[in-house]
């Protein structure tokens, strides 16, 4: 009565919640609510902007947090960066997009990485030059040149892009 439904309707809802693993059936009927592990979330910090263009000095600060489900992002340590510039437009990363970064210090050739080069940070695709036998950073914009750093430090890999459509 309190929820404005019939006894049979309430019973059907309780059965559905039990089948989904949301509530447990005890000695006195449905008596406890369990947390479903598939509903786990993480507070992911938004850390300033990352240039998708020429290298610029790294500036890291937390602008806020976004709660995202692990079923969407996976497991690990993540942060969000706001893309700035147009060097990654060929990878559908545009100025203002939020890029979900998995924090790690290794990457594979072909990954889009957050790279620290001489105290400057940028978002580019990791590539390998067979002739020179070295890694380099490739912008996904034909008007921009590859970056061949002397020293390259990977800070994370891009795993998702969150963007406005309008």
C-alpha atoms as a PDB file:
ATOM      1  CA  UNK A   1       0.000   0.000   0.000  1.00  0.00           C
ATOM      2  CA  UNK A   2       2.802   2.410   0.899  1.00  0.00           C
ATOM      3  CA  UNK A   3       4.280   2.116  -2.627  1.00  0.00           C
ATOM      4  CA  UNK A   4       0.950   2.087  -4.417  1.00  0.00           C
ATOM      5  CA  UNK A   5       1.176  -1.469  -5.761  1.00  0.00           C
ATOM      6  CA  UNK A   6      -0.564  -4.764  -5.237  1.00  0.00           C
ATOM      7  CA  UNK A   7       0.864  -7.607  -3.159  1.00  0.00           C
ATOM      8  CA  UNK A   8       1.442  -9.681  -6.298  1.00  0.00           C
ATOM      9  CA  UNK A   9       3.228  -6.758  -7.971  1.00  0.00           C
ATOM     10  CA  UNK A  10       5.495  -6.317  -4.938  1.00  0.00           C
ATOM     11  CA  UNK A  11       6.147 -10.060  -4.845  1.00  0.00           C
ATOM     12  CA  UNK A  12       7.125 -10.018  -8.555  1.00  0.00           C
ATOM     13  CA  UNK A  13       9.548  -7.128  -7.962  1.00  0.00           C
ATOM     14  CA  UNK A  14      11.114  -8.917  -4.979  1.00  0.00           C
ATOM     15  CA  UNK A  15      11.538 -12.114  -7.011  1.00  0.00           C
ATOM     16  CA  UNK A  16      13.200 -10.162  -9.828  1.00  0.00           C
ATOM     17  CA  UNK A  17      15.594  -8.489  -7.354  1.00  0.00           C
ATOM     18  CA  UNK A  18      16.398 -11.896  -5.843  1.00  0.00           C
ATOM     19  CA  UNK A  19      17.132 -13.424  -9.259  1.00  0.00           C
ATOM     20  CA  UNK A  20      19.391 -10.449 -10.047  1.00  0.00           C
ATOM     21  CA  UNK A  21      21.314 -10.996  -6.797  1.00  0.00           C
ATOM     22  CA  UNK A  22      20.263  -7.657  -5.300  1.00  0.00           C
ATOM     23  CA  UNK A  23      18.453  -9.112  -2.270  1.00  0.00           C
ATOM     24  CA  UNK A  24      18.791 -12.348  -0.337  1.00  0.00           C
ATOM     25  CA  UNK A  25      16.124 -14.760   0.845  1.00  0.00           C
ATOM     26  CA  UNK A  26      16.490 -15.411   4.585  1.00  0.00           C
ATOM     27  CA  UNK A  27      14.537 -17.328   7.226  1.00  0.00           C
ATOM     28  CA  UNK A  28      11.888 -14.591   7.399  1.00  0.00           C
ATOM     29  CA  UNK A  29      11.616 -13.976   3.670  1.00  0.00           C
ATOM     30  CA  UNK A  30      13.492 -11.296   1.793  1.00  0.00           C
ATOM     31  CA  UNK A  31      15.572  -9.605   4.430  1.00  0.00           C
ATOM     32  CA  UNK A  32      18.898  -8.265   3.243  1.00  0.00           C
ATOM     33  CA  UNK A  33      20.217  -6.238   0.382  1.00  0.00           C
ATOM     34  CA  UNK A  34      23.614  -7.156  -1.053  1.00  0.00           C
ATOM     35  CA  UNK A  35      25.891  -4.980  -3.126  1.00  0.00           C
ATOM     36  CA  UNK A  36      26.278  -6.353  -6.598  1.00  0.00           C
ATOM     37  CA  UNK A  37      29.984  -6.468  -7.551  1.00  0.00           C
ATOM     38  CA  UNK A  38      29.063  -5.561 -11.124  1.00  0.00           C
ATOM     39  CA  UNK A  39      27.946  -2.161  -9.839  1.00  0.00           C
ATOM     40  CA  UNK A  40      31.406  -1.176  -8.486  1.00  0.00           C
ATOM     41  CA  UNK A  41      32.471   2.360  -9.335  1.00  0.00           C
ATOM     42  CA  UNK A  42      35.575   4.515  -9.113  1.00  0.00           C
ATOM     43  CA  UNK A  43      35.991   8.218  -8.464  1.00  0.00           C
ATOM     44  CA  UNK A  44      38.140   9.268 -11.419  1.00  0.00           C
ATOM     45  CA  UNK A  45      39.914  12.630 -11.052  1.00  0.00           C
ATOM     46  CA  UNK A  46      39.863  15.178 -13.878  1.00  0.00           C
ATOM     47  CA  UNK A  47      43.419  16.491 -14.177  1.00  0.00           C
ATOM     48  CA  UNK A  48      43.670  19.683 -16.205  1.00  0.00           C
ATOM     49  CA  UNK A  49      44.343  19.707 -19.921  1.00  0.00           C
ATOM     50  CA  UNK A  50      46.774  17.709 -22.031  1.00  0.00           C
ATOM     51  CA  UNK A  51      47.978  19.255 -25.259  1.00  0.00           C
ATOM     52  CA  UNK A  52      47.074  17.571 -28.504  1.00  0.00           C
ATOM     53  CA  UNK A  53      49.440  19.803 -30.359  1.00  0.00           C
ATOM     54  CA  UNK A  54      52.922  21.117 -29.700  1.00  0.00           C
ATOM     55  CA  UNK A  55      54.539  20.096 -26.439  1.00  0.00           C
ATOM     56  CA  UNK A  56      53.763  22.399 -23.520  1.00  0.00           C
ATOM     57  CA  UNK A  57      54.821  22.384 -19.895  1.00  0.00           C
ATOM     58  CA  UNK A  58      52.979  19.892 -17.724  1.00  0.00           C
ATOM     59  CA  UNK A  59      50.398  21.431 -15.417  1.00  0.00           C
ATOM     60  CA  UNK A  60      48.615  18.902 -13.215  1.00  0.00           C
ATOM     61  CA  UNK A  61      45.756  19.836 -10.914  1.00  0.00           C
ATOM     62  CA  UNK A  62      42.503  18.180  -9.997  1.00  0.00           C
ATOM     63  CA  UNK A  63      39.487  20.018 -11.428  1.00  0.00           C
ATOM     64  CA  UNK A  64      36.979  17.561  -9.995  1.00  0.00           C
ATOM     65  CA  UNK A  65      35.911  13.930  -9.987  1.00  0.00           C
ATOM     66  CA  UNK A  66      33.631  11.776 -12.113  1.00  0.00           C
ATOM     67  CA  UNK A  67      32.181   8.552 -10.730  1.00  0.00           C
ATOM     68  CA  UNK A  68      32.443   5.874 -13.431  1.00  0.00           C
ATOM     69  CA  UNK A  69      31.428   2.201 -13.252  1.00  0.00           C
ATOM     70  CA  UNK A  70      34.215  -0.380 -13.427  1.00  0.00           C
ATOM     71  CA  UNK A  71      32.131  -2.196 -16.021  1.00  0.00           C
ATOM     72  CA  UNK A  72      32.768   0.837 -18.271  1.00  0.00           C
ATOM     73  CA  UNK A  73      36.417   1.614 -17.467  1.00  0.00           C
ATOM     74  CA  UNK A  74      37.837  -1.697 -16.237  1.00  0.00           C
ATOM     75  CA  UNK A  75      40.140  -2.193 -13.282  1.00  0.00           C
ATOM     76  CA  UNK A  76      43.201  -0.134 -12.515  1.00  0.00           C
ATOM     77  CA  UNK A  77      44.068   3.444 -11.682  1.00  0.00           C
ATOM     78  CA  UNK A  78      42.565   6.029 -14.039  1.00  0.00           C
ATOM     79  CA  UNK A  79      42.368   9.757 -14.558  1.00  0.00           C
ATOM     80  CA  UNK A  80      40.672  12.042 -17.062  1.00  0.00           C
ATOM     81  CA  UNK A  81      42.432  14.714 -19.113  1.00  0.00           C
ATOM     82  CA  UNK A  82      40.804  17.408 -21.189  1.00  0.00           C
ATOM     83  CA  UNK A  83      42.216  17.390 -24.736  1.00  0.00           C
ATOM     84  CA  UNK A  84      43.582  20.696 -25.954  1.00  0.00           C
ATOM     85  CA  UNK A  85      44.510  21.298 -29.585  1.00  0.00           C
ATOM     86  CA  UNK A  86      43.999  19.395 -32.827  1.00  0.00           C
ATOM     87  CA  UNK A  87      46.939  17.027 -33.284  1.00  0.00           C
ATOM     88  CA  UNK A  88      44.815  13.936 -32.549  1.00  0.00           C
ATOM     89  CA  UNK A  89      41.771  14.693 -34.713  1.00  0.00           C
ATOM     90  CA  UNK A  90      42.527  11.674 -36.908  1.00  0.00           C
ATOM     91  CA  UNK A  91      41.957   9.485 -33.831  1.00  0.00           C
ATOM     92  CA  UNK A  92      38.644  11.296 -33.118  1.00  0.00           C
ATOM     93  CA  UNK A  93      40.126  13.176 -30.163  1.00  0.00           C
ATOM     94  CA  UNK A  94      39.090  16.800 -30.504  1.00  0.00           C
ATOM     95  CA  UNK A  95      39.745  19.948 -28.515  1.00  0.00           C
ATOM     96  CA  UNK A  96      37.676  19.807 -25.304  1.00  0.00           C
ATOM     97  CA  UNK A  97      37.130  16.028 -25.259  1.00  0.00           C
ATOM     98  CA  UNK A  98      37.718  14.160 -22.011  1.00  0.00           C
ATOM     99  CA  UNK A  99      40.234  11.344 -22.469  1.00  0.00           C
ATOM    100  CA  UNK A 100      40.203   8.473 -19.973  1.00  0.00           C
ATOM    101  CA  UNK A 101      43.793   7.515 -19.183  1.00  0.00           C
ATOM    102  CA  UNK A 102      44.887   4.282 -17.531  1.00  0.00           C
ATOM    103  CA  UNK A 103      47.850   5.202 -15.379  1.00  0.00           C
ATOM    104  CA  UNK A 104      50.864   3.045 -16.277  1.00  0.00           C
ATOM    105  CA  UNK A 105      54.462   3.537 -17.363  1.00  0.00           C
ATOM    106  CA  UNK A 106      54.497   1.064 -20.257  1.00  0.00           C
ATOM    107  CA  UNK A 107      52.767   1.079 -23.625  1.00  0.00           C
ATOM    108  CA  UNK A 108      52.712  -0.850 -26.865  1.00  0.00           C
ATOM    109  CA  UNK A 109      53.454   0.580 -30.287  1.00  0.00           C
ATOM    110  CA  UNK A 110      50.131   1.878 -31.612  1.00  0.00           C
ATOM    111  CA  UNK A 111      48.781   2.936 -28.194  1.00  0.00           C
ATOM    112  CA  UNK A 112      47.756   6.544 -27.687  1.00  0.00           C
ATOM    113  CA  UNK A 113      49.870   7.665 -24.753  1.00  0.00           C
ATOM    114  CA  UNK A 114      50.304  10.522 -22.336  1.00  0.00           C
ATOM    115  CA  UNK A 115      54.039  11.123 -22.698  1.00  0.00           C
ATOM    116  CA  UNK A 116      56.367  13.290 -20.670  1.00  0.00           C
ATOM    117  CA  UNK A 117      59.215  14.631 -22.772  1.00  0.00           C
ATOM    118  CA  UNK A 118      61.701  17.028 -21.150  1.00  0.00           C
ATOM    119  CA  UNK A 119      59.161  18.170 -18.499  1.00  0.00           C
ATOM    120  CA  UNK A 120      56.475  18.712 -21.141  1.00  0.00           C
ATOM    121  CA  UNK A 121      53.428  16.500 -21.547  1.00  0.00           C
ATOM    122  CA  UNK A 122      51.523  15.589 -24.691  1.00  0.00           C
ATOM    123  CA  UNK A 123      48.990  13.077 -25.996  1.00  0.00           C
ATOM    124  CA  UNK A 124      50.195  11.215 -29.109  1.00  0.00           C
ATOM    125  CA  UNK A 125      50.332   7.751 -30.669  1.00  0.00           C
ATOM    126  CA  UNK A 126      53.434   5.728 -29.773  1.00  0.00           C
ATOM    127  CA  UNK A 127      55.287   4.550 -32.878  1.00  0.00           C
ATOM    128  CA  UNK A 128      58.590   2.868 -33.675  1.00  0.00           C
ATOM    129  CA  UNK A 129      61.092   3.837 -36.374  1.00  0.00           C
ATOM    130  CA  UNK A 130      62.768   0.685 -37.738  1.00  0.00           C
ATOM    131  CA  UNK A 131      65.593   2.577 -39.460  1.00  0.00           C
ATOM    132  CA  UNK A 132      66.588   4.699 -36.477  1.00  0.00           C
ATOM    133  CA  UNK A 133      65.642   1.946 -33.993  1.00  0.00           C
ATOM    134  CA  UNK A 134      63.785   4.301 -31.660  1.00  0.00           C
ATOM    135  CA  UNK A 135      60.316   5.154 -30.429  1.00  0.00           C
ATOM    136  CA  UNK A 136      58.661   8.389 -31.457  1.00  0.00           C
ATOM    137  CA  UNK A 137      55.361  10.194 -30.944  1.00  0.00           C
ATOM    138  CA  UNK A 138      53.017  10.417 -33.903  1.00  0.00           C
ATOM    139  CA  UNK A 139      50.262  13.064 -34.083  1.00  0.00           C
ATOM    140  CA  UNK A 140      47.058  11.965 -35.806  1.00  0.00           C
ATOM    141  CA  UNK A 141      46.969  15.090 -37.968  1.00  0.00           C
ATOM    142  CA  UNK A 142      48.706  15.095 -41.368  1.00  0.00           C
ATOM    143  CA  UNK A 143      49.673  18.749 -40.968  1.00  0.00           C
ATOM    144  CA  UNK A 144      51.847  18.017 -37.927  1.00  0.00           C
ATOM    145  CA  UNK A 145      55.278  16.413 -37.631  1.00  0.00           C
ATOM    146  CA  UNK A 146      56.348  13.377 -35.653  1.00  0.00           C
ATOM    147  CA  UNK A 147      58.228  14.010 -32.411  1.00  0.00           C
ATOM    148  CA  UNK A 148      61.526  12.156 -31.896  1.00  0.00           C
ATOM    149  CA  UNK A 149      62.389  12.741 -28.229  1.00  0.00           C
ATOM    150  CA  UNK A 150      65.774  11.884 -26.742  1.00  0.00           C
ATOM    151  CA  UNK A 151      64.031  10.616 -23.616  1.00  0.00           C
ATOM    152  CA  UNK A 152      60.404   9.497 -23.412  1.00  0.00           C
ATOM    153  CA  UNK A 153      58.430   8.734 -20.248  1.00  0.00           C
ATOM    154  CA  UNK A 154      55.010   7.091 -20.545  1.00  0.00           C
ATOM    155  CA  UNK A 155      52.515   8.285 -17.926  1.00  0.00           C
ATOM    156  CA  UNK A 156      49.473   6.404 -19.160  1.00  0.00           C
ATOM    157  CA  UNK A 157      47.532   5.108 -22.128  1.00  0.00           C
ATOM    158  CA  UNK A 158      44.265   6.455 -23.502  1.00  0.00           C
ATOM    159  CA  UNK A 159      41.448   3.924 -23.224  1.00  0.00           C
ATOM    160  CA  UNK A 160      38.278   5.937 -23.928  1.00  0.00           C
ATOM    161  CA  UNK A 161      37.153   9.334 -25.169  1.00  0.00           C
ATOM    162  CA  UNK A 162      34.142  11.104 -23.698  1.00  0.00           C
ATOM    163  CA  UNK A 163      32.879  13.888 -25.930  1.00  0.00           C
ATOM    164  CA  UNK A 164      30.035  16.273 -26.489  1.00  0.00           C
ATOM    165  CA  UNK A 165      28.187  15.650 -29.733  1.00  0.00           C
ATOM    166  CA  UNK A 166      26.770  19.163 -30.045  1.00  0.00           C
END
